[in-house]
N, C-alpha and C. Protein backbone atom coordinates (compact mmCIF):
# COMPACT_ATOMS: atom_id res chain seq x y z
N MET A 1 -2.47 -7.90 0.65
CA MET A 1 -1.35 -8.96 0.32
C MET A 1 -0.05 -8.23 0.09
N SER A 2 0.93 -8.60 0.14
CA SER A 2 2.32 -8.17 -0.15
C SER A 2 2.69 -8.30 -1.43
N ALA A 3 3.66 -7.55 -1.99
CA ALA A 3 4.08 -7.56 -3.47
C ALA A 3 5.60 -7.46 -3.19
N PHE A 4 6.53 -8.18 -4.12
CA PHE A 4 7.72 -8.04 -4.35
C PHE A 4 8.51 -7.89 -3.06
N ALA A 5 8.36 -9.13 -2.45
CA ALA A 5 8.65 -9.26 -0.97
C ALA A 5 10.53 -9.66 -0.82
N ASP A 6 10.91 -9.94 -2.17
CA ASP A 6 12.59 -10.03 -2.27
C ASP A 6 13.24 -8.74 -2.11
N GLU A 7 12.42 -7.54 -2.55
CA GLU A 7 13.24 -6.53 -2.64
C GLU A 7 13.32 -5.80 -1.23
N LEU A 8 12.79 -6.28 -0.11
CA LEU A 8 12.54 -5.63 1.04
C LEU A 8 13.42 -5.87 2.19
N PRO A 9 13.67 -4.63 2.98
CA PRO A 9 14.25 -4.91 4.38
C PRO A 9 13.72 -5.75 5.22
N GLU A 10 14.34 -6.45 6.28
CA GLU A 10 13.98 -7.40 7.12
C GLU A 10 12.45 -7.02 7.80
N SER A 11 12.56 -5.86 7.99
CA SER A 11 11.36 -5.30 8.94
C SER A 11 10.26 -5.38 8.17
N ALA A 12 10.43 -4.80 6.78
CA ALA A 12 8.98 -5.03 5.98
C ALA A 12 8.81 -6.72 5.86
N ARG A 13 9.56 -7.13 5.96
CA ARG A 13 9.46 -8.81 5.81
C ARG A 13 8.73 -9.34 6.87
N GLU A 14 8.95 -8.88 7.80
CA GLU A 14 8.20 -8.92 9.32
C GLU A 14 6.95 -8.62 9.16
N GLY A 15 6.77 -7.30 8.60
CA GLY A 15 5.68 -6.75 8.52
C GLY A 15 4.81 -7.80 7.54
N ILE A 16 5.25 -7.91 6.69
CA ILE A 16 4.23 -9.21 5.82
C ILE A 16 3.88 -10.51 6.50
N ALA A 17 4.67 -11.10 7.23
CA ALA A 17 4.43 -11.94 8.16
C ALA A 17 3.20 -11.87 9.25
N HIS A 18 3.36 -10.60 9.94
CA HIS A 18 2.09 -10.11 10.69
C HIS A 18 0.99 -9.77 9.80
N TYR A 19 1.13 -9.28 8.51
CA TYR A 19 -0.10 -9.12 8.08
C TYR A 19 -0.75 -10.26 7.51
N ASN A 20 0.00 -11.31 7.08
CA ASN A 20 -0.50 -12.74 6.63
C ASN A 20 -1.21 -13.23 7.68
N GLU A 21 -0.61 -13.03 8.95
CA GLU A 21 -1.61 -13.53 10.12
C GLU A 21 -2.83 -12.73 10.76
N GLU A 22 -2.91 -11.47 9.99
CA GLU A 22 -3.98 -10.56 10.44
C GLU A 22 -3.89 -9.78 11.36
N HIS A 23 -2.39 -9.52 12.04
CA HIS A 23 -2.08 -8.79 12.95
C HIS A 23 -1.72 -7.53 12.06
N PHE A 24 -2.78 -6.51 11.70
CA PHE A 24 -2.57 -5.72 10.91
C PHE A 24 -2.01 -4.53 11.72
N ASP A 25 -2.32 -4.17 13.06
CA ASP A 25 -1.27 -3.22 13.90
C ASP A 25 0.20 -3.34 13.70
N GLN A 26 0.51 -4.48 13.93
CA GLN A 26 1.94 -4.96 14.18
C GLN A 26 2.57 -4.75 12.59
N ALA A 27 1.70 -5.12 11.77
CA ALA A 27 2.30 -5.18 10.36
C ALA A 27 2.68 -3.60 9.88
N ALA A 28 1.68 -2.59 10.77
CA ALA A 28 1.74 -1.15 10.22
C ALA A 28 3.17 -0.70 10.98
N ARG A 29 3.22 -1.01 12.07
CA ARG A 29 4.46 -0.67 13.09
C ARG A 29 5.62 -1.21 11.92
N LYS A 30 5.67 -2.37 11.65
CA LYS A 30 6.88 -3.04 10.92
C LYS A 30 7.15 -2.24 9.88
N PHE A 31 5.91 -2.02 8.90
CA PHE A 31 6.18 -0.86 7.76
C PHE A 31 6.47 0.25 8.22
N SER A 32 5.94 0.79 9.11
CA SER A 32 6.69 2.08 9.39
C SER A 32 8.19 2.10 9.64
N GLU A 33 8.64 1.00 10.45
CA GLU A 33 10.15 1.00 10.58
C GLU A 33 11.09 0.84 9.15
N ALA A 34 10.17 -0.03 8.51
CA ALA A 34 10.88 -0.22 6.97
C ALA A 34 10.79 1.13 6.32
N GLU A 35 9.91 2.01 6.37
CA GLU A 35 9.89 3.24 5.66
C GLU A 35 11.18 4.11 6.07
N ALA A 36 11.33 3.85 7.50
CA ALA A 36 12.62 4.78 7.95
C ALA A 36 13.82 4.43 7.31
N LEU A 37 13.98 3.06 7.27
CA LEU A 37 15.00 2.65 6.55
C LEU A 37 15.50 2.76 5.11
N ASP A 38 14.42 2.75 4.47
CA ASP A 38 14.33 2.68 3.02
C ASP A 38 12.94 3.49 2.42
N PRO A 39 12.97 4.76 2.70
CA PRO A 39 12.18 5.63 2.32
C PRO A 39 11.53 5.80 0.85
N GLU A 40 12.30 5.55 0.09
CA GLU A 40 12.11 5.64 -1.33
C GLU A 40 11.50 4.27 -1.90
N ASN A 41 11.52 3.35 -1.04
CA ASN A 41 11.18 1.92 -1.73
C ASN A 41 9.26 1.80 -1.96
N PRO A 42 9.14 1.86 -3.10
CA PRO A 42 7.99 1.86 -3.32
C PRO A 42 6.97 0.57 -2.92
N THR A 43 7.90 -0.51 -2.74
CA THR A 43 6.99 -1.61 -2.28
C THR A 43 6.80 -1.71 -0.59
N VAL A 44 7.66 -0.99 -0.12
CA VAL A 44 7.30 -0.97 1.27
C VAL A 44 6.14 0.01 1.49
N ARG A 45 5.96 0.98 0.57
CA ARG A 45 4.77 2.03 0.82
C ARG A 45 3.55 1.33 0.61
N TYR A 46 3.67 0.47 -0.56
CA TYR A 46 2.26 -0.25 -0.90
C TYR A 46 1.69 -1.25 0.25
N ASN A 47 2.96 -1.74 0.85
CA ASN A 47 2.42 -2.77 1.87
C ASN A 47 1.86 -2.02 3.23
N ALA A 48 2.51 -0.75 3.41
CA ALA A 48 2.17 0.00 4.51
C ALA A 48 0.78 0.48 4.30
N GLY A 49 0.74 1.11 3.03
CA GLY A 49 -1.03 1.46 2.54
C GLY A 49 -1.71 0.14 2.62
N ASN A 50 -1.43 -1.31 2.40
CA ASN A 50 -2.55 -2.38 2.62
C ASN A 50 -2.60 -2.63 4.02
N ALA A 51 -1.72 -2.47 4.96
CA ALA A 51 -2.22 -2.48 6.55
C ALA A 51 -2.98 -1.45 7.01
N LYS A 52 -2.65 -0.37 6.75
CA LYS A 52 -3.42 0.99 6.94
C LYS A 52 -5.15 0.61 6.51
N TYR A 53 -5.17 0.34 5.33
CA TYR A 53 -6.51 -0.14 4.45
C TYR A 53 -6.96 -0.99 5.64
N ARG A 54 -6.62 -2.24 5.88
CA ARG A 54 -7.35 -3.41 6.65
C ARG A 54 -7.46 -2.72 8.04
N LEU A 55 -6.80 -1.84 8.69
CA LEU A 55 -7.11 -1.03 9.80
C LEU A 55 -8.43 -0.22 9.76
N GLY A 56 -8.78 0.02 8.75
CA GLY A 56 -9.74 1.20 8.18
C GLY A 56 -9.30 2.51 8.18
N ARG A 57 -7.68 2.67 7.98
CA ARG A 57 -7.48 3.88 7.94
C ARG A 57 -7.52 4.21 6.34
N TYR A 58 -8.32 4.70 5.78
CA TYR A 58 -8.40 4.50 4.28
C TYR A 58 -7.36 6.08 3.82
N GLU A 59 -7.91 6.93 4.49
CA GLU A 59 -6.99 8.37 4.06
C GLU A 59 -5.64 8.00 4.19
N ALA A 60 -5.02 7.65 5.36
CA ALA A 60 -3.53 7.17 5.33
C ALA A 60 -2.82 6.08 4.37
N ALA A 61 -4.00 5.11 3.94
CA ALA A 61 -3.55 4.02 3.04
C ALA A 61 -3.37 5.01 1.42
N ILE A 62 -4.37 5.94 1.17
CA ILE A 62 -4.34 6.55 0.05
C ILE A 62 -3.30 7.07 0.06
N GLU A 63 -2.99 8.15 0.99
CA GLU A 63 -1.33 8.63 1.03
C GLU A 63 -0.47 7.90 0.75
N ASP A 64 -0.25 6.65 1.43
CA ASP A 64 0.91 5.70 0.82
C ASP A 64 0.67 5.37 -0.45
N TYR A 65 -0.25 5.10 -0.99
CA TYR A 65 -0.60 4.72 -2.18
C TYR A 65 -0.29 5.79 -3.14
N GLY A 66 -0.78 6.93 -3.10
CA GLY A 66 -0.14 8.18 -3.86
C GLY A 66 1.22 8.27 -4.02
N LYS A 67 2.20 7.98 -2.89
CA LYS A 67 3.48 8.00 -2.98
C LYS A 67 4.05 6.65 -3.84
N VAL A 68 3.26 5.73 -3.94
CA VAL A 68 3.82 4.77 -4.59
C VAL A 68 3.61 5.09 -6.31
N LEU A 69 2.33 5.62 -6.64
CA LEU A 69 2.15 6.16 -7.79
C LEU A 69 3.00 7.39 -8.40
N SER A 70 3.38 8.15 -7.50
CA SER A 70 3.83 9.20 -7.64
C SER A 70 5.53 9.03 -8.40
N GLY A 71 6.00 8.06 -7.97
CA GLY A 71 7.39 7.58 -8.26
C GLY A 71 7.82 6.53 -9.19
N ASP A 72 8.93 6.08 -9.52
CA ASP A 72 9.24 5.28 -10.58
C ASP A 72 8.83 3.94 -10.30
N SER A 73 7.75 3.03 -9.83
CA SER A 73 7.39 1.84 -9.36
C SER A 73 7.31 1.25 -11.01
N PRO A 74 7.52 -0.18 -10.54
CA PRO A 74 7.11 -0.95 -11.42
C PRO A 74 5.65 -1.26 -11.89
N THR A 75 5.41 -1.54 -13.27
CA THR A 75 4.22 -1.24 -13.66
C THR A 75 3.08 -2.25 -12.87
N GLU A 76 3.58 -3.49 -12.74
CA GLU A 76 2.66 -4.40 -11.91
C GLU A 76 2.43 -3.93 -10.48
N LEU A 77 3.43 -3.25 -9.86
CA LEU A 77 2.80 -2.60 -8.57
C LEU A 77 2.14 -1.35 -8.74
N LYS A 78 2.16 -0.71 -9.75
CA LYS A 78 1.28 0.47 -10.21
C LYS A 78 -0.17 -0.03 -10.32
N GLN A 79 -0.24 -0.90 -11.02
CA GLN A 79 -1.52 -1.51 -11.23
C GLN A 79 -2.22 -2.16 -10.04
N LYS A 80 -1.49 -2.53 -9.26
CA LYS A 80 -2.10 -3.18 -7.71
C LYS A 80 -2.47 -1.80 -6.96
N THR A 81 -1.70 -1.07 -7.14
CA THR A 81 -1.92 0.03 -6.27
C THR A 81 -3.07 1.11 -6.79
N TRP A 82 -3.30 1.11 -8.18
CA TRP A 82 -4.46 2.05 -8.58
C TRP A 82 -5.68 1.18 -7.98
N TYR A 83 -5.74 -0.27 -7.98
CA TYR A 83 -6.85 -1.03 -7.67
C TYR A 83 -7.07 -0.69 -6.20
N ASN A 84 -6.22 -0.63 -5.33
CA ASN A 84 -6.33 -0.80 -4.03
C ASN A 84 -6.68 0.79 -3.42
N GLN A 85 -5.92 1.72 -4.16
CA GLN A 85 -6.40 3.12 -4.07
C GLN A 85 -8.04 3.28 -4.39
N GLY A 86 -8.29 2.71 -5.33
CA GLY A 86 -9.69 2.69 -6.01
C GLY A 86 -10.80 2.32 -4.69
N ASN A 87 -10.29 1.27 -4.20
CA ASN A 87 -11.10 0.55 -2.94
C ASN A 87 -11.10 1.39 -1.74
N ALA A 88 -10.07 1.98 -1.57
CA ALA A 88 -10.04 3.00 -0.42
C ALA A 88 -10.78 4.23 -0.46
N TRP A 89 -10.99 4.65 -1.74
CA TRP A 89 -11.84 5.94 -1.91
C TRP A 89 -13.25 5.51 -1.86
N PHE A 90 -13.40 4.28 -2.36
CA PHE A 90 -14.71 3.66 -2.52
C PHE A 90 -15.26 3.64 -0.77
N ARG A 91 -14.40 3.30 0.19
CA ARG A 91 -14.65 2.94 1.37
C ARG A 91 -15.26 4.40 2.10
N LEU A 92 -14.54 5.29 1.36
CA LEU A 92 -14.84 6.71 2.13
C LEU A 92 -15.86 7.26 1.29
N GLY A 93 -16.38 6.56 0.37
CA GLY A 93 -17.57 7.16 -0.22
C GLY A 93 -17.48 7.91 -1.42
N ALA A 94 -16.04 8.02 -1.45
CA ALA A 94 -15.92 9.09 -2.89
C ALA A 94 -15.85 8.35 -4.04
N LEU A 95 -17.05 8.10 -4.76
CA LEU A 95 -17.08 7.07 -5.87
C LEU A 95 -16.64 7.66 -6.94
N ASP A 96 -16.67 9.06 -7.25
CA ASP A 96 -15.68 9.49 -8.36
C ASP A 96 -14.23 9.52 -8.31
N ARG A 97 -13.69 9.54 -7.15
CA ARG A 97 -12.31 9.33 -7.15
C ARG A 97 -12.00 7.84 -7.38
N ALA A 98 -12.86 7.00 -6.73
CA ALA A 98 -12.70 5.64 -7.01
C ALA A 98 -12.55 5.22 -8.63
N MET A 99 -13.64 5.67 -9.14
CA MET A 99 -13.71 5.45 -10.69
C MET A 99 -12.66 6.17 -11.18
N GLU A 100 -11.88 7.30 -10.99
CA GLU A 100 -10.53 7.67 -11.47
C GLU A 100 -9.55 6.74 -11.42
N SER A 101 -9.29 6.09 -10.15
CA SER A 101 -8.08 5.05 -9.90
C SER A 101 -8.70 4.20 -10.78
N TYR A 102 -9.80 3.40 -10.77
CA TYR A 102 -10.06 2.09 -11.36
C TYR A 102 -9.81 2.07 -12.88
N LYS A 103 -9.99 3.53 -13.38
CA LYS A 103 -9.78 3.93 -14.97
C LYS A 103 -8.38 3.71 -15.28
N LYS A 104 -7.55 4.49 -14.53
CA LYS A 104 -5.99 4.50 -14.53
C LYS A 104 -5.49 3.11 -14.45
N LEU A 105 -6.14 2.37 -13.56
CA LEU A 105 -5.67 0.70 -13.77
C LEU A 105 -5.64 0.43 -15.13
N TRP A 106 -6.73 0.45 -15.90
CA TRP A 106 -6.53 0.02 -17.32
C TRP A 106 -5.80 0.97 -18.29
N SER A 107 -5.31 2.14 -17.98
CA SER A 107 -4.67 3.02 -19.08
C SER A 107 -3.28 2.71 -19.20
């Protein structure tokens, strides 16, 4: 699911539309375009991570989520990101890392 859509370039909004239609490959491409236009936008990175997660590209999703978490992102976005990152670690079988992410969600 996308977050903070009003802060996004047009290509990211198109990515959200594709994501909502469950066209995750197309969504990931649009988010990649948006990253080129606005590389510091944590919302673009978050949504890119979500599309990659839905494609089963968990390591790539974790990388995007890490970039969201390392920057000056809004608290609500960071909370959603910690949760999604935990889910991605869980899918990779890294239960200890998943738990770390979930714990940070509540700290």
